[in-house]
Amino acid sequence: MRKGYPKDHLADGTPQSYFIKIVSDEHGLAMVHGEYESMKSIYSVLPDFAPRPITYGTYQETADTHFFLCEYKELDTTKMPEPEEFGARLAELHKLSTSPNGKFGFHIPTYSGNLPQANDWQDTWEAFFTRNMRRALDCEIEAKGPDPEIEVLIPALFEKVIPRLLRPLESEGRWVKPSLVHGDLWYANSGVDAKSNGSLIFDACSFYAHNEYEFGQWMPTCNKFGPEYRAAYHAHNEVSEPKEDYDGRLDLYKMRFNTHVSALFRDDFSYRKQMLGDMRDLVKRYG
């Protein structure tokens, strides 16, 4: 994967810069297509929160090389997004976005790294997350091989933990709004616009989800989106009921991200250790 900043000129001769991502991979075209559709969806809801996506495609003379093109935004690399402003914008994205069919999912697969996510439309959040989680685990086991402890923990995860934490969201008259999520919103996929000083997000792998799913990527200790960012967000979008399950839900969503990361980094078994720690903890508490 390569990234660049080509320049062109407008009709009046003004220089115009663009951002291009180039991918040479067997799944490359699907990857850039997923990013384009993700960023287009975010931009259509909040155009000041993301660079404008322009197109995607394949090089005419290099059939195995694909690209994603968007407008170039100069970033202030000395800053993190300001929590209050960032939280307000993210809450607005989640609240204003609308699933085209009222379901959870996305109209095409989107890729986190070079691995596809299971985005098939589902009527309930529990059903969607279960399918998405199984895909992540399948990718992880394919990457690192079977493990006897994982085989023991998996039934408890799917039969006990996920229903215990997600089913109450959609029981006793409660419901979950399918919100457009970035899908991989760690701090390196955000920035501060050097001109406007406003926050930006990019490099998305979106789908329509429970809005709190976004915070699973914020829970690992290596992340720089600390609790002040969640507090700022929840000033605009309240914690889902039942609130007493909030911490457990975020730990479940964190495990989903850690599983996918372990699948991406095939040779680093520290990520499997991290994922197994998440699974043990959740099964002990809820399984």
Protein backbone atom coordinates (compact mmCIF):
# COMPACT_ATOMS: atom_id res chain seq x y z
CA MET A 1 0.00 0.00 0.00
CA ARG A 2 1.31 3.44 -0.93
CA LYS A 3 0.03 6.94 -0.29
CA GLY A 4 0.78 10.15 -2.14
CA TYR A 5 -0.21 13.75 -2.71
CA PRO A 6 -0.45 14.49 -6.46
CA LYS A 7 -1.09 18.02 -7.68
CA ASP A 8 -3.25 19.38 -10.47
CA HIS A 9 -4.52 22.84 -11.39
CA LEU A 10 -7.99 24.33 -11.48
CA ALA A 11 -9.24 26.11 -14.61
CA ASP A 12 -7.90 29.43 -13.33
CA GLY A 13 -4.42 27.95 -12.78
CA THR A 14 -4.72 27.56 -8.99
CA PRO A 15 -2.76 24.51 -7.79
CA GLN A 16 -4.98 21.76 -6.40
CA SER A 17 -3.69 18.85 -4.31
CA TYR A 18 -5.24 15.41 -3.89
CA PHE A 19 -4.63 12.41 -1.67
CA ILE A 20 -4.21 9.04 -3.37
CA LYS A 21 -3.90 5.60 -1.78
CA ILE A 22 -2.49 2.87 -4.03
CA VAL A 23 -3.09 -0.79 -3.22
CA SER A 24 -1.51 -3.80 -4.92
CA ASP A 25 -3.35 -6.78 -3.48
CA GLU A 26 -5.62 -9.55 -4.69
CA HIS A 27 -8.45 -7.85 -2.78
CA GLY A 28 -7.25 -4.35 -3.67
CA LEU A 29 -10.19 -3.24 -5.80
CA ALA A 30 -12.70 -4.37 -3.18
CA MET A 31 -10.65 -2.61 -0.49
CA VAL A 32 -10.59 0.78 -2.23
CA HIS A 33 -14.25 0.39 -3.23
CA GLY A 34 -15.16 -0.20 0.41
CA GLU A 35 -13.19 2.83 1.55
CA TYR A 36 -14.74 5.01 -1.14
CA GLU A 37 -18.30 3.99 -0.20
CA SER A 38 -17.53 4.40 3.51
CA MET A 39 -16.09 7.89 3.10
CA LYS A 40 -18.85 8.88 0.69
CA SER A 41 -21.45 7.87 3.27
CA ILE A 42 -19.73 9.84 6.04
CA TYR A 43 -19.20 12.87 3.80
CA SER A 44 -22.86 12.88 2.74
CA VAL A 45 -23.92 13.22 6.40
CA LEU A 46 -21.19 15.56 7.70
CA PRO A 47 -19.10 17.07 4.88
CA ASP A 48 -16.98 19.10 7.30
CA PHE A 49 -15.93 15.95 9.19
CA ALA A 50 -14.18 14.11 6.35
CA PRO A 51 -12.19 14.82 3.17
CA ARG A 52 -14.33 14.69 0.04
CA PRO A 53 -13.98 11.31 -1.70
CA ILE A 54 -13.57 11.65 -5.46
CA THR A 55 -13.27 8.20 -7.03
CA TYR A 56 -11.65 4.78 -6.91
CA GLY A 57 -10.52 2.38 -9.62
CA THR A 58 -7.78 0.32 -11.26
CA TYR A 59 -4.75 1.56 -13.19
CA GLN A 60 -5.28 1.09 -16.93
CA GLU A 61 -1.80 -0.29 -17.57
CA THR A 62 -1.34 -2.13 -14.26
CA ALA A 63 -4.30 -4.42 -13.73
CA ASP A 64 -3.30 -5.49 -10.21
CA THR A 65 -2.89 -1.92 -8.89
CA HIS A 66 -5.88 -0.02 -7.53
CA PHE A 67 -6.42 3.44 -6.05
CA PHE A 68 -8.66 5.58 -3.86
CA LEU A 69 -8.63 9.33 -4.55
CA CYS A 70 -9.94 12.14 -2.32
CA GLU A 71 -9.29 15.80 -1.68
CA TYR A 72 -6.11 16.61 0.21
CA LYS A 73 -6.38 18.13 3.67
CA GLU A 74 -3.32 19.59 5.36
CA LEU A 75 -3.23 18.26 8.93
CA ASP A 76 -1.80 19.90 12.02
CA THR A 77 0.27 16.94 13.23
CA THR A 78 1.07 18.64 16.54
CA LYS A 79 -2.53 18.29 17.77
CA MET A 80 -5.07 15.67 18.70
CA PRO A 81 -8.73 16.50 17.99
CA GLU A 82 -10.21 18.55 20.81
CA PRO A 83 -12.48 16.22 22.86
CA GLU A 84 -15.57 18.46 23.05
CA GLU A 85 -15.61 19.30 19.36
CA PHE A 86 -14.71 15.78 18.25
CA GLY A 87 -17.29 14.19 20.53
CA ALA A 88 -20.00 16.54 19.29
CA ARG A 89 -19.22 15.81 15.64
CA LEU A 90 -19.11 12.07 16.11
CA ALA A 91 -22.40 12.13 18.01
CA GLU A 92 -23.92 14.16 15.18
CA LEU A 93 -22.73 11.63 12.60
CA HIS A 94 -24.32 8.80 14.55
CA LYS A 95 -27.58 10.64 15.17
CA LEU A 96 -28.09 12.10 11.68
CA SER A 97 -27.13 9.00 9.68
CA THR A 98 -29.94 6.70 8.55
CA SER A 99 -29.71 3.10 7.43
CA PRO A 100 -31.24 2.86 3.93
CA ASN A 101 -33.39 -0.12 4.91
CA GLY A 102 -33.55 0.24 8.68
CA LYS A 103 -31.19 -2.71 9.16
CA PHE A 104 -27.66 -3.25 10.45
CA GLY A 105 -24.95 -3.78 7.86
CA PHE A 106 -23.70 -2.13 4.68
CA HIS A 107 -24.41 -2.49 0.98
CA ILE A 108 -20.92 -3.84 0.20
CA PRO A 109 -18.14 -5.51 2.19
CA THR A 110 -15.70 -3.09 3.78
CA TYR A 111 -12.14 -3.98 4.71
CA SER A 112 -10.29 -3.33 7.94
CA GLY A 113 -6.73 -3.66 6.72
CA ASN A 114 -6.85 -6.34 4.04
CA LEU A 115 -9.54 -8.43 5.75
CA PRO A 116 -13.22 -8.19 4.79
CA GLN A 117 -15.88 -7.62 7.42
CA ALA A 118 -19.20 -9.48 7.40
CA ASN A 119 -21.57 -6.65 6.50
CA ASP A 120 -24.63 -8.64 5.40
CA TRP A 121 -27.84 -6.87 6.39
CA GLN A 122 -29.41 -8.11 9.64
CA ASP A 123 -32.62 -7.11 11.40
CA THR A 124 -31.11 -6.94 14.90
CA TRP A 125 -27.84 -5.68 16.28
CA GLU A 126 -27.26 -8.95 18.13
CA ALA A 127 -27.58 -10.92 14.88
CA PHE A 128 -25.27 -8.57 12.99
CA PHE A 129 -22.60 -8.45 15.69
CA THR A 130 -22.68 -12.24 16.10
CA ARG A 131 -22.07 -12.77 12.39
CA ASN A 132 -19.40 -10.06 12.27
CA MET A 133 -17.66 -11.49 15.34
CA ARG A 134 -17.63 -15.00 13.87
CA ARG A 135 -15.96 -13.68 10.71
CA ALA A 136 -13.26 -11.98 12.77
CA LEU A 137 -12.62 -15.17 14.77
CA ASP A 138 -12.51 -17.28 11.60
CA CYS A 139 -9.89 -14.91 10.17
CA GLU A 140 -7.86 -15.01 13.39
CA ILE A 141 -7.84 -18.81 13.60
CA GLU A 142 -6.97 -19.07 9.92
CA ALA A 143 -4.06 -16.67 10.47
CA LYS A 144 -2.63 -18.18 13.66
CA GLY A 145 -3.96 -21.72 13.76
CA PRO A 146 -6.29 -23.49 16.20
CA ASP A 147 -6.00 -23.14 19.96
CA PRO A 148 -7.65 -25.49 22.49
CA GLU A 149 -8.58 -22.69 24.89
CA ILE A 150 -10.24 -20.68 22.13
CA GLU A 151 -12.28 -23.76 21.20
CA VAL A 152 -13.50 -23.99 24.80
CA LEU A 153 -14.31 -20.28 25.09
CA ILE A 154 -16.10 -19.82 21.75
CA PRO A 155 -19.36 -21.61 22.69
CA ALA A 156 -19.67 -19.57 25.90
CA LEU A 157 -18.97 -16.36 23.96
CA PHE A 158 -21.73 -16.95 21.41
CA GLU A 159 -24.26 -18.77 23.56
CA LYS A 160 -23.90 -16.77 26.77
CA VAL A 161 -21.86 -13.56 26.60
CA ILE A 162 -23.18 -11.96 23.40
CA PRO A 163 -26.88 -12.63 24.18
CA ARG A 164 -26.37 -11.47 27.78
CA LEU A 165 -24.84 -8.13 26.74
CA LEU A 166 -26.59 -7.32 23.46
CA ARG A 167 -30.08 -8.80 23.68
CA PRO A 168 -31.18 -6.41 26.48
CA LEU A 169 -30.51 -3.49 24.12
CA GLU A 170 -33.44 -4.69 22.00
CA SER A 171 -35.72 -6.15 24.71
CA GLU A 172 -38.57 -4.80 26.88
CA GLY A 173 -39.43 -2.08 24.39
CA ARG A 174 -35.86 -0.91 23.87
CA TRP A 175 -34.36 -0.63 20.40
CA VAL A 176 -31.03 0.21 18.76
CA LYS A 177 -30.83 2.76 15.96
CA PRO A 178 -28.54 1.56 13.15
CA SER A 179 -25.97 4.39 13.06
CA LEU A 180 -23.26 4.88 10.48
CA VAL A 181 -19.94 4.16 12.20
CA HIS A 182 -16.44 4.83 10.95
CA GLY A 183 -15.57 1.23 11.82
CA ASP A 184 -11.88 1.66 12.69
CA LEU A 185 -11.77 4.94 14.56
CA TRP A 186 -8.48 4.88 16.41
CA TYR A 187 -6.52 8.10 16.86
CA ALA A 188 -4.33 7.59 13.76
CA ASN A 189 -7.47 7.70 11.58
CA SER A 190 -8.33 11.17 12.83
CA GLY A 191 -6.67 14.55 12.65
CA VAL A 192 -7.01 18.31 12.88
CA ASP A 193 -7.47 20.40 9.74
CA ALA A 194 -4.60 22.92 9.66
CA LYS A 195 -6.83 25.55 8.02
CA SER A 196 -10.15 25.24 9.86
CA ASN A 197 -8.79 23.72 13.11
CA GLY A 198 -11.74 21.32 12.95
CA SER A 199 -11.43 17.59 13.47
CA LEU A 200 -11.43 15.13 10.58
CA ILE A 201 -11.79 11.37 10.21
CA PHE A 202 -10.57 9.21 7.33
CA ASP A 203 -9.59 5.66 6.31
CA ALA A 204 -13.04 4.32 7.21
CA CYS A 205 -14.48 0.79 6.91
CA SER A 206 -18.06 1.64 7.72
CA PHE A 207 -21.35 -0.10 8.37
CA TYR A 208 -24.58 0.67 10.25
CA ALA A 209 -24.16 -0.43 13.87
CA HIS A 210 -24.91 0.29 17.50
CA ASN A 211 -23.26 3.67 17.97
CA GLU A 212 -21.28 2.48 21.02
CA TYR A 213 -19.49 -0.06 18.82
CA GLU A 214 -17.26 2.84 17.75
CA PHE A 215 -15.74 2.97 21.24
CA GLY A 216 -14.43 -0.61 21.16
CA GLN A 217 -11.42 0.72 19.27
CA TRP A 218 -10.89 3.33 22.01
CA MET A 219 -10.58 0.83 24.87
CA PRO A 220 -7.09 -0.69 24.33
CA THR A 221 -4.47 1.06 26.45
CA CYS A 222 -2.44 2.05 23.36
CA ASN A 223 -5.22 4.34 22.16
CA LYS A 224 -5.13 8.08 22.75
CA PHE A 225 -8.91 8.58 22.80
CA GLY A 226 -9.21 8.54 26.56
CA PRO A 227 -12.35 8.66 28.71
CA GLU A 228 -12.63 12.42 28.20
CA TYR A 229 -13.58 11.75 24.56
CA ARG A 230 -16.38 9.37 25.54
CA ALA A 231 -17.60 11.83 28.16
CA ALA A 232 -17.69 14.59 25.55
CA TYR A 233 -19.58 12.31 23.16
CA HIS A 234 -22.15 11.29 25.75
CA ALA A 235 -22.90 14.93 26.51
CA HIS A 236 -24.61 14.84 23.10
CA ASN A 237 -25.70 11.19 22.83
CA GLU A 238 -26.60 9.33 26.00
CA VAL A 239 -25.39 5.88 27.02
CA SER A 240 -27.76 3.18 25.78
CA GLU A 241 -30.05 1.36 28.17
CA PRO A 242 -29.45 -0.74 30.16
CA LYS A 243 -26.69 1.57 31.32
CA GLU A 244 -25.38 -0.94 33.86
CA ASP A 245 -24.15 -3.08 30.93
CA TYR A 246 -22.20 -0.24 29.30
CA ASP A 247 -18.74 -1.31 30.46
CA GLY A 248 -19.40 -4.92 29.48
CA ARG A 249 -20.60 -3.93 26.02
CA LEU A 250 -17.49 -1.85 25.40
CA ASP A 251 -15.28 -4.72 26.54
CA LEU A 252 -17.12 -7.00 24.09
CA TYR A 253 -16.62 -4.48 21.28
CA LYS A 254 -12.95 -4.13 22.28
CA MET A 255 -12.53 -7.89 21.94
CA ARG A 256 -13.96 -7.72 18.42
CA PHE A 257 -11.30 -5.17 17.43
CA ASN A 258 -8.49 -7.06 19.18
CA THR A 259 -9.53 -10.25 17.37
CA HIS A 260 -9.35 -8.51 14.02
CA VAL A 261 -5.94 -7.01 14.85
CA SER A 262 -4.65 -10.45 15.81
CA ALA A 263 -5.81 -11.75 12.44
CA LEU A 264 -4.04 -8.92 10.62
CA PHE A 265 -0.66 -9.44 12.32
CA ARG A 266 -0.23 -13.14 11.65
CA ASP A 267 3.26 -13.51 13.17
CA ASP A 268 2.74 -11.52 16.36
CA PHE A 269 1.25 -13.84 18.98
CA SER A 270 1.07 -11.08 21.59
CA TYR A 271 -2.16 -10.04 19.89
CA ARG A 272 -3.64 -13.50 20.38
CA LYS A 273 -2.65 -13.33 24.04
CA GLN A 274 -4.46 -10.00 24.27
CA MET A 275 -7.57 -11.41 22.55
CA LEU A 276 -7.58 -14.48 24.79
CA GLY A 277 -7.39 -12.26 27.84
CA ASP A 278 -10.48 -10.40 26.63
CA MET A 279 -12.37 -13.65 26.01
CA ARG A 280 -11.47 -15.13 29.40
CA ASP A 281 -12.58 -11.97 31.20
CA LEU A 282 -15.91 -11.74 29.38
CA VAL A 283 -16.72 -15.41 29.88
CA LYS A 284 -15.84 -15.16 33.56
CA ARG A 285 -18.09 -12.14 34.04
CA TYR A 286 -21.02 -13.02 31.78
CA GLY A 287 -20.64 -16.64 30.62
